[in-house]
């Protein structure tokens, strides 16, 4: 998973460094990758850029909107 998260989310340059937030952010990143892979996407970076263009797309993907 790290080889996907690192180039996509620039994980080796975190701005959150102490306590629990780094683990929480890793969990959220894994959730995003897993949801898009379940939908059949293979290029995670491209689908994340596409989802970021409209604030409702991530909610629709999760079935919340």
PDB file of N, CA and C in Angstrom:
ATOM      1  N   UNK A   1       0.824  -1.183   0.000  1.00  0.00           N
ATOM      2  CA  UNK A   1       0.000   0.000   0.000  1.00  0.00           C
ATOM      3  C   UNK A   1       0.875   1.257   0.000  1.00  0.00           C
ATOM      4  N   UNK A   2       2.044   1.171   0.625  1.00  0.00           N
ATOM      5  CA  UNK A   2       2.881   2.366   0.724  1.00  0.00           C
ATOM      6  C   UNK A   2       3.287   2.883  -0.660  1.00  0.00           C
ATOM      7  N   UNK A   3       3.558   1.972  -1.604  1.00  0.00           N
ATOM      8  CA  UNK A   3       3.983   2.432  -2.936  1.00  0.00           C
ATOM      9  C   UNK A   3       2.858   3.137  -3.681  1.00  0.00           C
ATOM     10  N   UNK A   4       1.616   2.980  -3.231  1.00  0.00           N
ATOM     11  CA  UNK A   4       0.494   3.735  -3.808  1.00  0.00           C
ATOM     12  C   UNK A   4       0.318   5.049  -3.060  1.00  0.00           C
ATOM     13  N   UNK A   5       0.365   4.990  -1.720  1.00  0.00           N
ATOM     14  CA  UNK A   5       0.123   6.192  -0.918  1.00  0.00           C
ATOM     15  C   UNK A   5       1.223   7.227  -1.075  1.00  0.00           C
ATOM     16  N   UNK A   6       2.470   6.790  -1.181  1.00  0.00           N
ATOM     17  CA  UNK A   6       3.568   7.751  -1.202  1.00  0.00           C
ATOM     18  C   UNK A   6       3.516   8.693  -2.404  1.00  0.00           C
ATOM     19  N   UNK A   7       3.469   8.209  -3.631  1.00  0.00           N
ATOM     20  CA  UNK A   7       3.427   9.167  -4.737  1.00  0.00           C
ATOM     21  C   UNK A   7       2.101   9.909  -4.842  1.00  0.00           C
ATOM     22  N   UNK A   8       1.004   9.264  -4.443  1.00  0.00           N
ATOM     23  CA  UNK A   8      -0.305   9.884  -4.595  1.00  0.00           C
ATOM     24  C   UNK A   8      -0.548  10.952  -3.546  1.00  0.00           C
ATOM     25  N   UNK A   9      -0.213  10.669  -2.305  1.00  0.00           N
ATOM     26  CA  UNK A   9      -0.488  11.592  -1.203  1.00  0.00           C
ATOM     27  C   UNK A   9       0.770  12.271  -0.663  1.00  0.00           C
ATOM     28  N   UNK A  10       1.938  12.027  -1.276  1.00  0.00           N
ATOM     29  CA  UNK A  10       3.209  12.584  -0.806  1.00  0.00           C
ATOM     30  C   UNK A  10       3.391  12.270   0.680  1.00  0.00           C
ATOM     31  N   UNK A  11       3.225  10.993   1.004  1.00  0.00           N
ATOM     32  CA  UNK A  11       3.178  10.559   2.386  1.00  0.00           C
ATOM     33  C   UNK A  11       4.496  10.730   3.140  1.00  0.00           C
ATOM     34  N   UNK A  12       5.608  10.786   2.451  1.00  0.00           N
ATOM     35  CA  UNK A  12       6.886  10.914   3.151  1.00  0.00           C
ATOM     36  C   UNK A  12       7.183  12.341   3.593  1.00  0.00           C
ATOM     37  N   UNK A  13       6.304  13.276   3.287  1.00  0.00           N
ATOM     38  CA  UNK A  13       6.476  14.658   3.721  1.00  0.00           C
ATOM     39  C   UNK A  13       5.256  15.097   4.534  1.00  0.00           C
ATOM     40  N   UNK A  14       4.970  14.409   5.646  1.00  0.00           N
ATOM     41  CA  UNK A  14       3.749  14.750   6.392  1.00  0.00           C
ATOM     42  C   UNK A  14       3.884  16.055   7.160  1.00  0.00           C
ATOM     43  N   UNK A  15       2.768  16.742   7.276  1.00  0.00           N
ATOM     44  CA  UNK A  15       2.737  17.968   8.052  1.00  0.00           C
ATOM     45  C   UNK A  15       2.240  17.690   9.463  1.00  0.00           C
ATOM     46  N   UNK A  16       1.619  16.551   9.645  1.00  0.00           N
ATOM     47  CA  UNK A  16       1.116  16.133  10.956  1.00  0.00           C
ATOM     48  C   UNK A  16       2.086  15.082  11.473  1.00  0.00           C
ATOM     49  N   UNK A  17       2.731  15.346  12.608  1.00  0.00           N
ATOM     50  CA  UNK A  17       3.820  14.470  13.025  1.00  0.00           C
ATOM     51  C   UNK A  17       3.660  13.845  14.408  1.00  0.00           C
ATOM     52  N   UNK A  18       2.740  14.314  15.210  1.00  0.00           N
ATOM     53  CA  UNK A  18       2.703  13.825  16.584  1.00  0.00           C
ATOM     54  C   UNK A  18       1.376  13.165  16.932  1.00  0.00           C
ATOM     55  N   UNK A  19       1.429  12.285  17.880  1.00  0.00           N
ATOM     56  CA  UNK A  19       0.275  11.599  18.466  1.00  0.00           C
ATOM     57  C   UNK A  19      -0.503  10.778  17.450  1.00  0.00           C
ATOM     58  N   UNK A  20      -1.815  10.873  17.443  1.00  0.00           N
ATOM     59  CA  UNK A  20      -2.667  10.005  16.633  1.00  0.00           C
ATOM     60  C   UNK A  20      -2.970  10.500  15.218  1.00  0.00           C
ATOM     61  N   UNK A  21      -2.917  11.780  14.928  1.00  0.00           N
ATOM     62  CA  UNK A  21      -3.294  12.230  13.575  1.00  0.00           C
ATOM     63  C   UNK A  21      -2.574  11.539  12.418  1.00  0.00           C
ATOM     64  N   UNK A  22      -1.285  11.195  12.516  1.00  0.00           N
ATOM     65  CA  UNK A  22      -0.675  10.492  11.372  1.00  0.00           C
ATOM     66  C   UNK A  22      -1.349   9.154  11.079  1.00  0.00           C
ATOM     67  N   UNK A  23      -1.715   8.422  12.113  1.00  0.00           N
ATOM     68  CA  UNK A  23      -2.385   7.131  11.916  1.00  0.00           C
ATOM     69  C   UNK A  23      -3.792   7.327  11.370  1.00  0.00           C
ATOM     70  N   UNK A  24      -4.470   8.356  11.840  1.00  0.00           N
ATOM     71  CA  UNK A  24      -5.818   8.639  11.340  1.00  0.00           C
ATOM     72  C   UNK A  24      -5.758   9.000   9.864  1.00  0.00           C
ATOM     73  N   UNK A  25      -4.809   9.852   9.482  1.00  0.00           N
ATOM     74  CA  UNK A  25      -4.676  10.244   8.076  1.00  0.00           C
ATOM     75  C   UNK A  25      -4.327   9.037   7.204  1.00  0.00           C
ATOM     76  N   UNK A  26      -3.477   8.143   7.695  1.00  0.00           N
ATOM     77  CA  UNK A  26      -3.151   6.934   6.944  1.00  0.00           C
ATOM     78  C   UNK A  26      -4.390   6.081   6.753  1.00  0.00           C
ATOM     79  N   UNK A  27      -5.209   5.978   7.790  1.00  0.00           N
ATOM     80  CA  UNK A  27      -6.453   5.220   7.676  1.00  0.00           C
ATOM     81  C   UNK A  27      -7.410   5.827   6.657  1.00  0.00           C
ATOM     82  N   UNK A  28      -7.513   7.147   6.653  1.00  0.00           N
ATOM     83  CA  UNK A  28      -8.383   7.816   5.679  1.00  0.00           C
ATOM     84  C   UNK A  28      -7.861   7.643   4.262  1.00  0.00           C
ATOM     85  N   UNK A  29      -6.545   7.695   4.101  1.00  0.00           N
ATOM     86  CA  UNK A  29      -5.955   7.481   2.770  1.00  0.00           C
ATOM     87  C   UNK A  29      -6.217   6.057   2.296  1.00  0.00           C
ATOM     88  N   UNK A  30      -6.059   5.087   3.207  1.00  0.00           N
ATOM     89  CA  UNK A  30      -6.330   3.694   2.847  1.00  0.00           C
ATOM     90  C   UNK A  30      -7.800   3.506   2.471  1.00  0.00           C
ATOM     91  N   UNK A  31      -8.695   4.186   3.177  1.00  0.00           N
ATOM     92  CA  UNK A  31     -10.115   4.123   2.855  1.00  0.00           C
ATOM     93  C   UNK A  31     -10.367   4.653   1.450  1.00  0.00           C
ATOM     94  N   UNK A  32      -9.779   5.794   1.131  1.00  0.00           N
ATOM     95  CA  UNK A  32      -9.960   6.388  -0.203  1.00  0.00           C
ATOM     96  C   UNK A  32      -9.442   5.448  -1.290  1.00  0.00           C
ATOM     97  N   UNK A  33      -8.282   4.874  -1.085  1.00  0.00           N
ATOM     98  CA  UNK A  33      -7.710   3.958  -2.071  1.00  0.00           C
ATOM     99  C   UNK A  33      -8.592   2.724  -2.211  1.00  0.00           C
ATOM    100  N   UNK A  34      -9.020   2.168  -1.093  1.00  0.00           N
ATOM    101  CA  UNK A  34      -9.845   0.959  -1.124  1.00  0.00           C
ATOM    102  C   UNK A  34     -11.189   1.177  -1.793  1.00  0.00           C
ATOM    103  N   UNK A  35     -11.835   2.308  -1.511  1.00  0.00           N
ATOM    104  CA  UNK A  35     -13.136   2.601  -2.117  1.00  0.00           C
ATOM    105  C   UNK A  35     -13.003   2.709  -3.634  1.00  0.00           C
ATOM    106  N   UNK A  36     -11.979   3.388  -4.095  1.00  0.00           N
ATOM    107  CA  UNK A  36     -11.813   3.553  -5.538  1.00  0.00           C
ATOM    108  C   UNK A  36     -11.392   2.248  -6.210  1.00  0.00           C
ATOM    109  N   UNK A  37     -10.617   1.434  -5.527  1.00  0.00           N
ATOM    110  CA  UNK A  37     -10.259   0.131  -6.098  1.00  0.00           C
ATOM    111  C   UNK A  37     -11.482  -0.774  -6.189  1.00  0.00           C
ATOM    112  N   UNK A  38     -12.360  -0.696  -5.194  1.00  0.00           N
ATOM    113  CA  UNK A  38     -13.590  -1.485  -5.228  1.00  0.00           C
ATOM    114  C   UNK A  38     -14.466  -1.083  -6.409  1.00  0.00           C
ATOM    115  N   UNK A  39     -14.409   0.175  -6.777  1.00  0.00           N
ATOM    116  CA  UNK A  39     -15.169   0.656  -7.930  1.00  0.00           C
ATOM    117  C   UNK A  39     -14.509   0.274  -9.253  1.00  0.00           C
ATOM    118  N   UNK A  40     -13.352  -0.375  -9.197  1.00  0.00           N
ATOM    119  CA  UNK A  40     -12.690  -0.848 -10.399  1.00  0.00           C
ATOM    120  C   UNK A  40     -11.648   0.079 -10.973  1.00  0.00           C
ATOM    121  N   UNK A  41     -11.313   1.142 -10.281  1.00  0.00           N
ATOM    122  CA  UNK A  41     -10.301   2.079 -10.781  1.00  0.00           C
ATOM    123  C   UNK A  41      -8.905   1.536 -10.484  1.00  0.00           C
ATOM    124  N   UNK A  42      -8.001   1.709 -11.434  1.00  0.00           N
ATOM    125  CA  UNK A  42      -6.625   1.272 -11.229  1.00  0.00           C
ATOM    126  C   UNK A  42      -5.673   2.458 -11.066  1.00  0.00           C
ATOM    127  N   UNK A  43      -5.982   3.583 -11.677  1.00  0.00           N
ATOM    128  CA  UNK A  43      -5.150   4.775 -11.543  1.00  0.00           C
ATOM    129  C   UNK A  43      -5.731   5.631 -10.416  1.00  0.00           C
ATOM    130  N   UNK A  44      -5.223   5.409  -9.211  1.00  0.00           N
ATOM    131  CA  UNK A  44      -5.766   6.054  -8.020  1.00  0.00           C
ATOM    132  C   UNK A  44      -5.541   7.564  -8.056  1.00  0.00           C
ATOM    133  N   UNK A  45      -4.385   8.003  -8.504  1.00  0.00           N
ATOM    134  CA  UNK A  45      -4.094   9.442  -8.546  1.00  0.00           C
ATOM    135  C   UNK A  45      -5.078  10.165  -9.460  1.00  0.00           C
ATOM    136  N   UNK A  46      -5.362   9.582 -10.607  1.00  0.00           N
ATOM    137  CA  UNK A  46      -6.279  10.225 -11.551  1.00  0.00           C
ATOM    138  C   UNK A  46      -7.693  10.287 -10.996  1.00  0.00           C
ATOM    139  N   UNK A  47      -8.148   9.221 -10.368  1.00  0.00           N
ATOM    140  CA  UNK A  47      -9.507   9.214  -9.840  1.00  0.00           C
ATOM    141  C   UNK A  47      -9.636  10.152  -8.635  1.00  0.00           C
ATOM    142  N   UNK A  48      -8.586  10.309  -7.864  1.00  0.00           N
ATOM    143  CA  UNK A  48      -8.623  11.259  -6.749  1.00  0.00           C
ATOM    144  C   UNK A  48      -8.669  12.699  -7.250  1.00  0.00           C
ATOM    145  N   UNK A  49      -7.926  12.994  -8.307  1.00  0.00           N
ATOM    146  CA  UNK A  49      -7.996  14.339  -8.895  1.00  0.00           C
ATOM    147  C   UNK A  49      -9.401  14.603  -9.430  1.00  0.00           C
ATOM    148  N   UNK A  50      -9.987  13.596 -10.080  1.00  0.00           N
ATOM    149  CA  UNK A  50     -11.339  13.735 -10.614  1.00  0.00           C
ATOM    150  C   UNK A  50     -12.345  13.958  -9.483  1.00  0.00           C
ATOM    151  N   UNK A  51     -12.220  13.205  -8.396  1.00  0.00           N
ATOM    152  CA  UNK A  51     -13.139  13.338  -7.258  1.00  0.00           C
ATOM    153  C   UNK A  51     -12.973  14.687  -6.563  1.00  0.00           C
ATOM    154  N   UNK A  52     -11.780  15.241  -6.587  1.00  0.00           N
ATOM    155  CA  UNK A  52     -11.518  16.497  -5.886  1.00  0.00           C
ATOM    156  C   UNK A  52     -12.123  17.711  -6.606  1.00  0.00           C
ATOM    157  N   UNK A  53     -12.500  17.558  -7.848  1.00  0.00           N
ATOM    158  CA  UNK A  53     -13.052  18.688  -8.604  1.00  0.00           C
ATOM    159  C   UNK A  53     -14.450  19.085  -8.150  1.00  0.00           C
ATOM    160  N   UNK A  54     -15.162  18.169  -7.505  1.00  0.00           N
ATOM    161  CA  UNK A  54     -16.520  18.443  -7.058  1.00  0.00           C
ATOM    162  C   UNK A  54     -16.680  17.859  -5.660  1.00  0.00           C
ATOM    163  N   UNK A  55     -17.075  18.670  -4.699  1.00  0.00           N
ATOM    164  CA  UNK A  55     -17.129  18.224  -3.310  1.00  0.00           C
ATOM    165  C   UNK A  55     -18.171  17.136  -3.060  1.00  0.00           C
ATOM    166  N   UNK A  56     -19.102  16.926  -3.972  1.00  0.00           N
ATOM    167  CA  UNK A  56     -20.116  15.882  -3.794  1.00  0.00           C
ATOM    168  C   UNK A  56     -19.688  14.515  -4.320  1.00  0.00           C
ATOM    169  N   UNK A  57     -18.690  14.468  -5.175  1.00  0.00           N
ATOM    170  CA  UNK A  57     -18.272  13.183  -5.765  1.00  0.00           C
ATOM    171  C   UNK A  57     -17.814  12.172  -4.720  1.00  0.00           C
ATOM    172  N   UNK A  58     -16.974  12.541  -3.753  1.00  0.00           N
ATOM    173  CA  UNK A  58     -16.586  11.536  -2.742  1.00  0.00           C
ATOM    174  C   UNK A  58     -17.780  11.020  -1.953  1.00  0.00           C
ATOM    175  N   UNK A  59     -18.735  11.900  -1.645  1.00  0.00           N
ATOM    176  CA  UNK A  59     -19.921  11.468  -0.906  1.00  0.00           C
ATOM    177  C   UNK A  59     -20.770  10.535  -1.747  1.00  0.00           C
ATOM    178  N   UNK A  60     -20.881  10.803  -3.045  1.00  0.00           N
ATOM    179  CA  UNK A  60     -21.641   9.944  -3.942  1.00  0.00           C
ATOM    180  C   UNK A  60     -20.971   8.579  -4.045  1.00  0.00           C
ATOM    181  N   UNK A  61     -19.652   8.569  -4.117  1.00  0.00           N
ATOM    182  CA  UNK A  61     -18.906   7.309  -4.206  1.00  0.00           C
ATOM    183  C   UNK A  61     -19.160   6.450  -2.967  1.00  0.00           C
ATOM    184  N   UNK A  62     -19.277   7.090  -1.811  1.00  0.00           N
ATOM    185  CA  UNK A  62     -19.521   6.365  -0.567  1.00  0.00           C
ATOM    186  C   UNK A  62     -21.000   6.060  -0.362  1.00  0.00           C
ATOM    187  N   UNK A  63     -21.853   6.570  -1.249  1.00  0.00           N
ATOM    188  CA  UNK A  63     -23.278   6.331  -1.142  1.00  0.00           C
ATOM    189  C   UNK A  63     -23.951   7.229  -0.108  1.00  0.00           C
ATOM    190  N   UNK A  64     -23.353   8.379   0.176  1.00  0.00           N
ATOM    191  CA  UNK A  64     -23.884   9.301   1.200  1.00  0.00           C
ATOM    192  C   UNK A  64     -24.609  10.505   0.610  1.00  0.00           C
ATOM    193  N   UNK A  65     -24.586  10.664  -0.679  1.00  0.00           N
ATOM    194  CA  UNK A  65     -25.267  11.814  -1.297  1.00  0.00           C
ATOM    195  C   UNK A  65     -26.138  11.380  -2.449  1.00  0.00           C
TER     196      UNK A  65
END
